[in-house]
Amino acid sequence: MTASLDIAFFGSSIVSAYWNGAATYYRGIVRALAARGHRVTFYEPDAYDRQKHRDIDDPPWCRVVVYRGDDERDALRQLTIAAQHADVIVKASGVGVYDALLEAGVPEVRRPGQLAIFWDVDAAATLDRIEGDTRDPFRSALPRYDAVFTYGGGDPVVRRYLALGARACLPIYNALDPDTHFPGTPDARFRGDLGLLANRLPDRERRIEEFFLRPASTSPERRFVLGGNGWGDKHVTPNVIKVGHVYTADHNAFNASCLAVLNVARDSMANVGFSPATRVFEAAGAAACLITDAWEGIELFLEPEREVLVAKDGDEVAEHVRRLDEARARAIGEAARRRVIAHHTYAQRAEQVERALVQGLATERGIAAPVSLGAAT
């Protein structure tokens, strides 16, 4: 028996990864939920030029509604429409416009028999903000949500959310969509010894200087490839090649073109741990040799030295690159791919989401949850 849910999801964007690192996560989760028979409508604002830089057309596995980014009445209108049909209303963090309005509005429009979910794609940053400001409006809205889902953070984030009054908190980690990220063909544009895909953001730039730009400065004989928005005016050494925004369709080629690729966590996620970025699973799915900055919990996802290389600072990054040859890089990448396909796919994450939502709805509606739900994964 399949329990088909109608889910209204308010997020930053599912059709554009432009200045929007959550796009891969949204696509993986929503596509896998659709494969299990659920209907998802994704509501996103026309903001930050994302509609001009779409990676994909409206997908067949999701209905996309784009509302105006300069008129809060349109956002509220779409929220009202969503509440008329949805079983579950999701407000994601970091929409970018009208966040406070939507965070307050979702519990307001929620009807009996519906669930209201706050889905935090940067839980550490959200928690730092609201723990540091007792007047933050989300503090009063939080207990009115049925549950918080988080992009990462593990037990430390769960405990912090429960202490603030959340009814429940469940980490839904990043994962791999093996139909999207897989071993690709090298591309001369991206050829190098170490590649990094990362937008220039205030809470990550210092770490990128340490883990990427400093190793480049101490390894002039190596070629470092930097992809992402915002780096145009950043001073770099001559062996750093800036390639600008790399569209999702080119990520597999990027991962195949360097001896190794680097993951650098944002400050907040590195501090709390248990927060693997989408890049971790993209690289592993492409069988790329991944070097990551050190953070607590990495071993829950990939085994250091066998499936991933871990560095505590830029010197260790440089040493990993110096010692790496193609045979070892290939062995690490292939081991990582086997691990994530076995244990960390979006199909598995969607089953976890489905189970939580169906049980939550059963409790809300006072009925017994079905024993078997959805398609097998």
Foldseek 3Di string as FASTA:
>chain_A
DADEFEEEAEAQDCFFCAVNQCNVVVVQQQQLLLQLPYAYEYEAECDPCRVVHGLDDQDPSYHYHYFYQPDVVRVLVVLLVSQVDGQEYEYEPPSPGCNLVVLQVNLVSHDQLHAYEYEYAQLLVVLVVCVVDVPPSNLVSQLSGQEYEYQWQPPVSQVSSVVSRHNGYHYLYAADDLVQAAADAADPLQAWAEEEEDADDPQFPVQCCKAPQVLCVVCVVTAYEYEYPDCPPPDGDPSYHYDYHDRSNCLNNNLNRHQAYEDTDGNSDQVSFGHDRNVLNSNLRNLFAYEYEDGPPPCVQANDPQQHDYDPTNVSSSVCSVPDDNVSRNRNSPVSNVRRVVPGGSNVSNVVVVVVSQVSSCVSVVHDGDPDHGDDD
